[in-house]
Structures are given as structure tokens and as C-alpha cells.
Amino acid sequence: MANSFQEFLDEYTQIGCVGGEDWQWEAFTNNHTTPIDASCENAKKWLEIMFKCN
């Protein structure tokens, strides 16, 4: 998930607090190769969809 609790909170809030269970964060871990990464491609797509202004 993260290297520290502070890192977890930082990354988790940057992706919009996607959910309370680990399976909801997996899409943001670069195919399980990194902790939660708010700058990964899935995070960028997710945030674009969530904050899309019409």
C-alpha cells in the first residue's frame, strides 16, 4: 500500500479516497509493482473522469 502511513494518506487522498478496501486501490499500484501511486496512468484517468467539467 505505502512505505509509511503518511505516504499512504498523501497518495490515497490525491486519488480521491477511492475506497476503504485494498482491492479498490490495486488499480493505482502499477500492476502491484509499487505502493499506491497517485501519478500512475490509472490515477490520471480516474481523476480526469471524476473531475471532468462539461
N, C-alpha and C. Protein backbone atom coordinates (compact mmCIF):
# COMPACT_ATOMS: atom_id res chain seq x y z
N MET A 1 0.81 -1.19 0.00
CA MET A 1 0.00 0.00 0.00
C MET A 1 0.85 1.25 0.00
N ALA A 2 1.80 1.33 0.93
CA ALA A 2 2.67 2.51 1.03
C ALA A 2 3.86 2.17 1.91
N ASN A 3 4.86 3.02 1.86
CA ASN A 3 6.05 2.81 2.68
C ASN A 3 5.88 3.34 4.10
N SER A 4 4.88 4.19 4.31
CA SER A 4 4.59 4.71 5.64
C SER A 4 3.12 5.13 5.68
N PHE A 5 2.62 5.35 6.86
CA PHE A 5 1.23 5.78 7.00
C PHE A 5 1.04 7.16 6.37
N GLN A 6 2.00 8.03 6.56
CA GLN A 6 1.92 9.38 5.97
C GLN A 6 1.89 9.31 4.45
N GLU A 7 2.74 8.47 3.86
CA GLU A 7 2.74 8.30 2.41
C GLU A 7 1.41 7.75 1.93
N PHE A 8 0.87 6.79 2.66
CA PHE A 8 -0.44 6.24 2.32
C PHE A 8 -1.48 7.34 2.28
N LEU A 9 -1.54 8.15 3.32
CA LEU A 9 -2.53 9.22 3.36
C LEU A 9 -2.34 10.21 2.23
N ASP A 10 -1.11 10.57 1.95
CA ASP A 10 -0.82 11.51 0.87
C ASP A 10 -1.29 10.97 -0.48
N GLU A 11 -0.91 9.76 -0.80
CA GLU A 11 -1.26 9.17 -2.10
C GLU A 11 -2.76 8.87 -2.19
N TYR A 12 -3.31 8.35 -1.11
CA TYR A 12 -4.74 7.98 -1.07
C TYR A 12 -5.63 9.20 -1.26
N THR A 13 -5.29 10.29 -0.62
CA THR A 13 -6.12 11.50 -0.77
C THR A 13 -5.96 12.12 -2.15
N GLN A 14 -4.78 11.98 -2.74
CA GLN A 14 -4.57 12.52 -4.08
C GLN A 14 -5.40 11.80 -5.14
N ILE A 15 -5.76 10.55 -4.89
CA ILE A 15 -6.61 9.84 -5.84
C ILE A 15 -8.07 9.88 -5.42
N GLY A 16 -8.40 10.74 -4.49
CA GLY A 16 -9.79 10.96 -4.14
C GLY A 16 -10.38 9.98 -3.15
N CYS A 17 -9.55 9.36 -2.32
CA CYS A 17 -10.04 8.41 -1.30
C CYS A 17 -10.96 7.37 -1.95
N VAL A 18 -10.40 6.61 -2.88
CA VAL A 18 -11.19 5.73 -3.75
C VAL A 18 -11.99 4.65 -3.05
N GLY A 19 -11.66 4.27 -1.86
CA GLY A 19 -12.42 3.24 -1.16
C GLY A 19 -11.66 2.75 0.05
N GLY A 20 -12.33 2.02 0.88
CA GLY A 20 -11.76 1.57 2.13
C GLY A 20 -11.14 0.18 2.11
N GLU A 21 -11.19 -0.50 0.96
CA GLU A 21 -10.66 -1.85 0.88
C GLU A 21 -9.52 -1.91 -0.12
N ASP A 22 -8.58 -2.81 0.12
CA ASP A 22 -7.38 -2.86 -0.72
C ASP A 22 -7.66 -3.13 -2.19
N TRP A 23 -8.67 -3.91 -2.51
CA TRP A 23 -8.95 -4.20 -3.91
C TRP A 23 -9.34 -2.94 -4.68
N GLN A 24 -9.80 -1.92 -3.97
CA GLN A 24 -10.17 -0.67 -4.62
C GLN A 24 -8.94 0.19 -4.94
N TRP A 25 -7.82 -0.09 -4.30
CA TRP A 25 -6.59 0.67 -4.52
C TRP A 25 -5.69 0.00 -5.55
N GLU A 26 -5.90 -1.29 -5.80
CA GLU A 26 -4.99 -2.06 -6.64
C GLU A 26 -4.78 -1.46 -8.03
N ALA A 27 -5.78 -0.81 -8.57
CA ALA A 27 -5.66 -0.21 -9.89
C ALA A 27 -4.63 0.92 -9.92
N PHE A 28 -4.23 1.38 -8.76
CA PHE A 28 -3.31 2.50 -8.66
C PHE A 28 -1.92 2.09 -8.17
N THR A 29 -1.59 0.80 -8.33
CA THR A 29 -0.30 0.29 -7.85
C THR A 29 0.61 -0.19 -8.98
N ASN A 30 0.37 0.28 -10.20
CA ASN A 30 1.20 -0.12 -11.34
C ASN A 30 1.35 -1.64 -11.43
N ASN A 31 0.19 -2.30 -11.51
CA ASN A 31 0.16 -3.77 -11.57
C ASN A 31 0.88 -4.44 -10.40
N HIS A 32 0.66 -3.94 -9.23
CA HIS A 32 1.21 -4.49 -7.99
C HIS A 32 2.73 -4.37 -7.89
N THR A 33 3.33 -3.45 -8.63
CA THR A 33 4.78 -3.30 -8.58
C THR A 33 5.22 -2.14 -7.68
N THR A 34 4.28 -1.28 -7.29
CA THR A 34 4.60 -0.14 -6.44
C THR A 34 3.50 0.03 -5.39
N PRO A 35 3.77 0.81 -4.37
CA PRO A 35 2.68 1.22 -3.48
C PRO A 35 1.69 2.09 -4.28
N ILE A 36 0.65 2.56 -3.64
CA ILE A 36 -0.30 3.45 -4.31
C ILE A 36 0.48 4.61 -4.92
N ASP A 37 0.18 4.87 -6.19
CA ASP A 37 0.91 5.89 -6.94
C ASP A 37 -0.10 6.85 -7.57
N ALA A 38 -0.25 8.02 -6.99
CA ALA A 38 -1.23 8.99 -7.47
C ALA A 38 -0.85 9.59 -8.81
N SER A 39 0.34 9.28 -9.32
CA SER A 39 0.75 9.81 -10.62
C SER A 39 0.74 8.75 -11.72
N CYS A 40 0.26 7.54 -11.40
CA CYS A 40 0.23 6.48 -12.41
C CYS A 40 -0.85 6.78 -13.45
N GLU A 41 -0.80 6.08 -14.56
CA GLU A 41 -1.75 6.31 -15.65
C GLU A 41 -3.20 6.09 -15.21
N ASN A 42 -3.46 5.05 -14.42
CA ASN A 42 -4.82 4.81 -13.95
C ASN A 42 -5.31 5.95 -13.06
N ALA A 43 -4.43 6.50 -12.24
CA ALA A 43 -4.83 7.62 -11.38
C ALA A 43 -5.16 8.84 -12.23
N LYS A 44 -4.36 9.10 -13.25
CA LYS A 44 -4.63 10.24 -14.13
C LYS A 44 -5.98 10.08 -14.82
N LYS A 45 -6.25 8.87 -15.32
CA LYS A 45 -7.53 8.62 -15.98
C LYS A 45 -8.69 8.76 -14.99
N TRP A 46 -8.52 8.20 -13.81
CA TRP A 46 -9.55 8.24 -12.77
C TRP A 46 -9.89 9.69 -12.40
N LEU A 47 -8.87 10.48 -12.16
CA LEU A 47 -9.09 11.87 -11.77
C LEU A 47 -9.69 12.69 -12.91
N GLU A 48 -9.31 12.37 -14.13
CA GLU A 48 -9.89 13.06 -15.28
C GLU A 48 -11.40 12.79 -15.35
N ILE A 49 -11.76 11.54 -15.15
CA ILE A 49 -13.19 11.18 -15.18
C ILE A 49 -13.94 11.81 -14.00
N MET A 50 -13.36 11.73 -12.82
CA MET A 50 -14.04 12.23 -11.62
C MET A 50 -14.21 13.75 -11.61
N PHE A 51 -13.27 14.45 -12.20
CA PHE A 51 -13.31 15.91 -12.13
C PHE A 51 -13.53 16.56 -13.49
N LYS A 52 -14.10 15.79 -14.40
CA LYS A 52 -14.37 16.31 -15.73
C LYS A 52 -15.46 17.37 -15.66
N CYS A 53 -15.17 18.49 -16.22
CA CYS A 53 -16.15 19.59 -16.26
C CYS A 53 -16.75 19.66 -17.65
N ASN A 54 -18.04 19.74 -17.70
CA ASN A 54 -18.71 19.85 -19.00
C ASN A 54 -18.99 21.28 -19.34
